Amino acid sequence: MEVRAVTKYTGLSPQKVRLVINEIRGRQAQEALAILQFMPQKAARVVAKTLRSAMANATENFGLEEEDLYISRIYADDAPRRRWRRFGARGRFKPWIRRSSHITVVLEERS
């Protein structure tokens, strides 16, 4: 049985989120939370929040034990990009692209 949680429209680029996600892929859920707690990246807090939400879904909705859960799939997809204008010299403007991402965590029970 798989349990999932999704965080949408985070203000972090998918590339930066994937750096954090790659460190915890395939690990036990509680071990991954311990790793994320000591990571300095801002994305680690958002990923930890999504992971805690998936763990809560598993225990409350499906009656699974937290100790048996592991991360079977975790990924960060592109979300809509905001175009921003920064005005430059000689009447030009420099486009800024503000990226965002959707984070999905899928947990399964290891027997």
N, C-alpha and C. Protein backbone atom coordinates (compact mmCIF):
# COMPACT_ATOMS: atom_id res chain seq x y z
N MET A 1 0.85 -1.17 0.00
CA MET A 1 0.00 0.00 0.00
C MET A 1 0.89 1.23 0.00
N GLU A 2 0.54 2.17 -0.83
CA GLU A 2 1.33 3.40 -0.89
C GLU A 2 0.51 4.59 -0.40
N VAL A 3 1.20 5.46 0.30
CA VAL A 3 0.60 6.66 0.87
C VAL A 3 1.37 7.84 0.31
N ARG A 4 0.66 8.90 -0.07
CA ARG A 4 1.35 10.02 -0.68
C ARG A 4 0.93 11.35 -0.07
N ALA A 5 1.81 12.32 -0.23
CA ALA A 5 1.53 13.70 0.16
C ALA A 5 2.17 14.61 -0.89
N VAL A 6 1.50 15.69 -1.21
CA VAL A 6 1.97 16.61 -2.24
C VAL A 6 1.97 18.03 -1.69
N THR A 7 3.06 18.74 -1.91
CA THR A 7 3.12 20.17 -1.61
C THR A 7 3.23 20.89 -2.94
N LYS A 8 2.30 21.78 -3.20
CA LYS A 8 2.27 22.45 -4.49
C LYS A 8 2.70 23.91 -4.38
N TYR A 9 3.23 24.41 -5.47
CA TYR A 9 3.59 25.82 -5.63
C TYR A 9 4.57 26.32 -4.57
N THR A 10 5.60 25.54 -4.28
CA THR A 10 6.62 26.03 -3.36
C THR A 10 7.43 27.10 -4.07
N GLY A 11 7.96 28.01 -3.34
CA GLY A 11 8.73 29.10 -3.92
C GLY A 11 10.18 28.75 -4.17
N LEU A 12 10.46 27.47 -4.38
CA LEU A 12 11.83 26.99 -4.58
C LEU A 12 11.93 26.35 -5.96
N SER A 13 13.07 26.51 -6.60
CA SER A 13 13.23 25.92 -7.92
C SER A 13 13.38 24.41 -7.80
N PRO A 14 12.90 23.67 -8.79
CA PRO A 14 12.98 22.21 -8.73
C PRO A 14 14.42 21.70 -8.67
N GLN A 15 15.33 22.42 -9.29
CA GLN A 15 16.73 22.00 -9.28
C GLN A 15 17.29 22.01 -7.86
N LYS A 16 16.96 23.02 -7.08
CA LYS A 16 17.45 23.12 -5.71
C LYS A 16 16.77 22.10 -4.80
N VAL A 17 15.50 21.81 -5.07
CA VAL A 17 14.79 20.83 -4.27
C VAL A 17 15.33 19.42 -4.55
N ARG A 18 15.68 19.15 -5.81
CA ARG A 18 16.19 17.82 -6.17
C ARG A 18 17.52 17.51 -5.49
N LEU A 19 18.32 18.53 -5.20
CA LEU A 19 19.58 18.31 -4.48
C LEU A 19 19.31 17.73 -3.09
N VAL A 20 18.25 18.19 -2.45
CA VAL A 20 17.89 17.69 -1.12
C VAL A 20 17.22 16.33 -1.23
N ILE A 21 16.33 16.19 -2.20
CA ILE A 21 15.57 14.95 -2.36
C ILE A 21 16.47 13.75 -2.64
N ASN A 22 17.52 13.96 -3.42
CA ASN A 22 18.40 12.86 -3.78
C ASN A 22 19.12 12.26 -2.58
N GLU A 23 19.25 13.02 -1.51
CA GLU A 23 19.93 12.52 -0.31
C GLU A 23 19.07 11.55 0.48
N ILE A 24 17.76 11.64 0.38
CA ILE A 24 16.89 10.82 1.24
C ILE A 24 16.11 9.76 0.47
N ARG A 25 16.27 9.69 -0.84
CA ARG A 25 15.51 8.73 -1.64
C ARG A 25 15.84 7.30 -1.22
N GLY A 26 14.79 6.50 -0.94
CA GLY A 26 14.96 5.10 -0.60
C GLY A 26 15.21 4.81 0.87
N ARG A 27 15.29 5.83 1.70
CA ARG A 27 15.59 5.62 3.12
C ARG A 27 14.32 5.41 3.95
N GLN A 28 14.51 4.96 5.18
CA GLN A 28 13.42 4.88 6.13
C GLN A 28 12.90 6.29 6.39
N ALA A 29 11.63 6.44 6.67
CA ALA A 29 11.02 7.77 6.81
C ALA A 29 11.59 8.54 8.01
N GLN A 30 11.74 7.85 9.14
CA GLN A 30 12.26 8.55 10.33
C GLN A 30 13.73 8.90 10.17
N GLU A 31 14.49 8.05 9.50
CA GLU A 31 15.90 8.34 9.24
C GLU A 31 16.02 9.55 8.31
N ALA A 32 15.14 9.63 7.32
CA ALA A 32 15.15 10.77 6.39
C ALA A 32 14.82 12.07 7.11
N LEU A 33 13.88 12.02 8.05
CA LEU A 33 13.56 13.23 8.83
C LEU A 33 14.76 13.70 9.64
N ALA A 34 15.50 12.75 10.20
CA ALA A 34 16.69 13.11 10.98
C ALA A 34 17.75 13.75 10.10
N ILE A 35 17.90 13.26 8.88
CA ILE A 35 18.88 13.84 7.95
C ILE A 35 18.45 15.25 7.54
N LEU A 36 17.16 15.41 7.24
CA LEU A 36 16.67 16.72 6.80
C LEU A 36 16.76 17.78 7.88
N GLN A 37 16.69 17.36 9.12
CA GLN A 37 16.73 18.30 10.24
C GLN A 37 18.06 19.05 10.29
N PHE A 38 19.14 18.41 9.85
CA PHE A 38 20.46 19.02 9.95
C PHE A 38 20.99 19.55 8.63
N MET A 39 20.18 19.57 7.61
CA MET A 39 20.61 20.12 6.32
C MET A 39 20.37 21.64 6.32
N PRO A 40 21.33 22.42 5.81
CA PRO A 40 21.20 23.88 5.87
C PRO A 40 20.29 24.47 4.78
N GLN A 41 19.93 23.71 3.77
CA GLN A 41 19.15 24.24 2.66
C GLN A 41 17.72 24.58 3.09
N LYS A 42 17.17 25.61 2.47
CA LYS A 42 15.79 26.00 2.75
C LYS A 42 14.82 24.93 2.26
N ALA A 43 15.19 24.24 1.18
CA ALA A 43 14.33 23.19 0.63
C ALA A 43 14.17 22.03 1.60
N ALA A 44 15.12 21.82 2.49
CA ALA A 44 15.05 20.71 3.44
C ALA A 44 13.85 20.86 4.37
N ARG A 45 13.52 22.09 4.75
CA ARG A 45 12.38 22.31 5.63
C ARG A 45 11.07 21.99 4.92
N VAL A 46 10.96 22.36 3.65
CA VAL A 46 9.73 22.11 2.89
C VAL A 46 9.57 20.61 2.64
N VAL A 47 10.67 19.93 2.30
CA VAL A 47 10.62 18.49 2.05
C VAL A 47 10.28 17.75 3.35
N ALA A 48 10.83 18.20 4.47
CA ALA A 48 10.54 17.57 5.76
C ALA A 48 9.06 17.74 6.12
N LYS A 49 8.51 18.89 5.82
CA LYS A 49 7.09 19.13 6.11
C LYS A 49 6.21 18.20 5.27
N THR A 50 6.58 18.00 4.01
CA THR A 50 5.82 17.10 3.14
C THR A 50 5.95 15.66 3.61
N LEU A 51 7.15 15.28 4.04
CA LEU A 51 7.38 13.92 4.53
C LEU A 51 6.59 13.67 5.82
N ARG A 52 6.56 14.64 6.72
CA ARG A 52 5.76 14.49 7.94
C ARG A 52 4.28 14.36 7.62
N SER A 53 3.82 15.08 6.60
CA SER A 53 2.43 15.00 6.19
C SER A 53 2.10 13.60 5.64
N ALA A 54 3.00 13.05 4.86
CA ALA A 54 2.79 11.69 4.33
C ALA A 54 2.79 10.66 5.46
N MET A 55 3.66 10.85 6.45
CA MET A 55 3.69 9.93 7.59
C MET A 55 2.40 10.03 8.39
N ALA A 56 1.89 11.23 8.57
CA ALA A 56 0.63 11.42 9.29
C ALA A 56 -0.53 10.80 8.53
N ASN A 57 -0.52 10.94 7.19
CA ASN A 57 -1.56 10.30 6.38
C ASN A 57 -1.54 8.80 6.56
N ALA A 58 -0.35 8.22 6.62
CA ALA A 58 -0.21 6.77 6.74
C ALA A 58 -0.74 6.27 8.08
N THR A 59 -0.42 6.98 9.15
CA THR A 59 -0.84 6.52 10.48
C THR A 59 -2.31 6.80 10.74
N GLU A 60 -2.79 7.97 10.36
CA GLU A 60 -4.16 8.34 10.66
C GLU A 60 -5.18 7.70 9.73
N ASN A 61 -4.89 7.69 8.44
CA ASN A 61 -5.88 7.22 7.47
C ASN A 61 -5.82 5.72 7.22
N PHE A 62 -4.60 5.14 7.30
CA PHE A 62 -4.46 3.74 6.94
C PHE A 62 -4.00 2.85 8.10
N GLY A 63 -3.68 3.43 9.24
CA GLY A 63 -3.29 2.66 10.41
C GLY A 63 -1.94 1.97 10.29
N LEU A 64 -1.01 2.54 9.53
CA LEU A 64 0.31 1.95 9.37
C LEU A 64 1.25 2.44 10.47
N GLU A 65 2.29 1.67 10.76
CA GLU A 65 3.28 2.04 11.77
C GLU A 65 4.36 2.91 11.14
N GLU A 66 4.77 3.97 11.85
CA GLU A 66 5.79 4.88 11.32
C GLU A 66 7.14 4.20 11.15
N GLU A 67 7.44 3.22 11.99
CA GLU A 67 8.75 2.55 11.94
C GLU A 67 8.90 1.71 10.68
N ASP A 68 7.78 1.27 10.08
CA ASP A 68 7.84 0.40 8.92
C ASP A 68 7.82 1.15 7.59
N LEU A 69 7.69 2.47 7.62
CA LEU A 69 7.54 3.24 6.39
C LEU A 69 8.91 3.60 5.80
N TYR A 70 8.98 3.53 4.47
CA TYR A 70 10.17 3.99 3.77
C TYR A 70 9.73 4.79 2.54
N ILE A 71 10.65 5.59 2.01
CA ILE A 71 10.34 6.45 0.88
C ILE A 71 10.52 5.64 -0.40
N SER A 72 9.42 5.29 -1.03
CA SER A 72 9.52 4.51 -2.26
C SER A 72 9.75 5.42 -3.47
N ARG A 73 9.07 6.55 -3.51
CA ARG A 73 9.27 7.52 -4.58
C ARG A 73 9.20 8.92 -3.99
N ILE A 74 10.05 9.78 -4.50
CA ILE A 74 10.02 11.19 -4.10
C ILE A 74 10.55 11.99 -5.29
N TYR A 75 9.81 13.02 -5.67
CA TYR A 75 10.24 13.79 -6.83
C TYR A 75 9.72 15.22 -6.74
N ALA A 76 10.39 16.10 -7.49
CA ALA A 76 10.02 17.51 -7.56
C ALA A 76 9.79 17.86 -9.02
N ASP A 77 8.57 18.27 -9.35
CA ASP A 77 8.23 18.65 -10.72
C ASP A 77 8.19 20.16 -10.85
N ASP A 78 8.25 20.60 -12.10
CA ASP A 78 8.12 22.03 -12.37
C ASP A 78 6.71 22.51 -12.07
N ALA A 79 6.62 23.70 -11.54
CA ALA A 79 5.34 24.37 -11.34
C ALA A 79 5.38 25.63 -12.24
N PRO A 80 4.32 26.39 -12.30
CA PRO A 80 4.34 27.58 -13.16
C PRO A 80 5.47 28.54 -12.79
N ARG A 81 6.02 29.16 -13.82
CA ARG A 81 7.10 30.14 -13.62
C ARG A 81 6.52 31.54 -13.71
N ARG A 82 7.01 32.41 -12.82
CA ARG A 82 6.59 33.81 -12.88
C ARG A 82 7.65 34.61 -13.61
N ARG A 83 7.24 35.41 -14.54
CA ARG A 83 8.16 36.30 -15.24
C ARG A 83 8.22 37.62 -14.50
N TRP A 84 9.41 38.10 -14.26
CA TRP A 84 9.63 39.32 -13.51
C TRP A 84 10.48 40.23 -14.36
N ARG A 85 10.33 41.55 -14.22
CA ARG A 85 11.12 42.49 -15.01
C ARG A 85 12.10 43.23 -14.12
N ARG A 86 13.32 43.28 -14.57
CA ARG A 86 14.35 44.10 -13.93
C ARG A 86 14.87 45.02 -15.02
N PHE A 87 14.70 46.32 -14.82
CA PHE A 87 15.06 47.25 -15.87
C PHE A 87 16.57 47.46 -15.90
N GLY A 88 17.09 47.49 -17.12
CA GLY A 88 18.53 47.63 -17.32
C GLY A 88 18.87 48.92 -18.01
N ALA A 89 20.10 49.03 -18.43
CA ALA A 89 20.60 50.24 -19.06
C ALA A 89 20.03 50.40 -20.47
N ARG A 90 19.99 51.62 -20.96
CA ARG A 90 19.58 51.97 -22.32
C ARG A 90 18.17 51.53 -22.66
N GLY A 91 17.27 51.58 -21.68
CA GLY A 91 15.87 51.28 -21.94
C GLY A 91 15.54 49.81 -22.10
N ARG A 92 16.49 48.95 -21.83
CA ARG A 92 16.23 47.51 -21.93
C ARG A 92 15.74 46.98 -20.59
N PHE A 93 15.29 45.74 -20.62
CA PHE A 93 14.98 45.12 -19.34
C PHE A 93 15.52 43.69 -19.33
N LYS A 94 15.87 43.24 -18.16
CA LYS A 94 16.44 41.91 -17.96
C LYS A 94 15.37 41.02 -17.35
N PRO A 95 14.95 39.97 -18.03
CA PRO A 95 13.92 39.11 -17.46
C PRO A 95 14.46 38.24 -16.33
N TRP A 96 13.71 38.17 -15.26
CA TRP A 96 13.98 37.23 -14.18
C TRP A 96 12.89 36.19 -14.23
N ILE A 97 13.27 34.93 -14.14
CA ILE A 97 12.29 33.86 -14.14
C ILE A 97 12.27 33.27 -12.74
N ARG A 98 11.17 33.45 -12.04
CA ARG A 98 11.04 32.93 -10.68
C ARG A 98 10.38 31.56 -10.75
N ARG A 99 11.16 30.54 -10.47
CA ARG A 99 10.67 29.17 -10.61
C ARG A 99 10.05 28.67 -9.32
N SER A 100 9.10 27.75 -9.47
CA SER A 100 8.48 27.10 -8.32
C SER A 100 8.34 25.62 -8.64
N SER A 101 7.98 24.82 -7.63
CA SER A 101 7.96 23.38 -7.83
C SER A 101 6.83 22.73 -7.05
N HIS A 102 6.48 21.51 -7.48
CA HIS A 102 5.55 20.64 -6.77
C HIS A 102 6.37 19.48 -6.22
N ILE A 103 6.27 19.21 -4.91
CA ILE A 103 7.02 18.12 -4.27
C ILE A 103 6.05 17.00 -3.93
N THR A 104 6.37 15.78 -4.34
CA THR A 104 5.53 14.62 -4.08
C THR A 104 6.35 13.56 -3.34
N VAL A 105 5.79 13.05 -2.24
CA VAL A 105 6.42 11.99 -1.46
C VAL A 105 5.47 10.80 -1.43
N VAL A 106 5.98 9.63 -1.79
CA VAL A 106 5.19 8.39 -1.76
C VAL A 106 5.88 7.42 -0.80
N LEU A 107 5.15 7.02 0.24
CA LEU A 107 5.67 6.08 1.23
C LEU A 107 5.04 4.72 1.05
N GLU A 108 5.81 3.68 1.37
CA GLU A 108 5.28 2.32 1.39
C GLU A 108 5.72 1.65 2.67
N GLU A 109 5.01 0.59 3.01
CA GLU A 109 5.30 -0.15 4.24
C GLU A 109 6.24 -1.30 3.93
N ARG A 110 7.33 -1.39 4.65
CA ARG A 110 8.29 -2.47 4.47
C ARG A 110 7.97 -3.55 5.50
N SER A 111 7.71 -4.75 5.03
CA SER A 111 7.29 -5.83 5.95
C SER A 111 8.47 -6.68 6.38
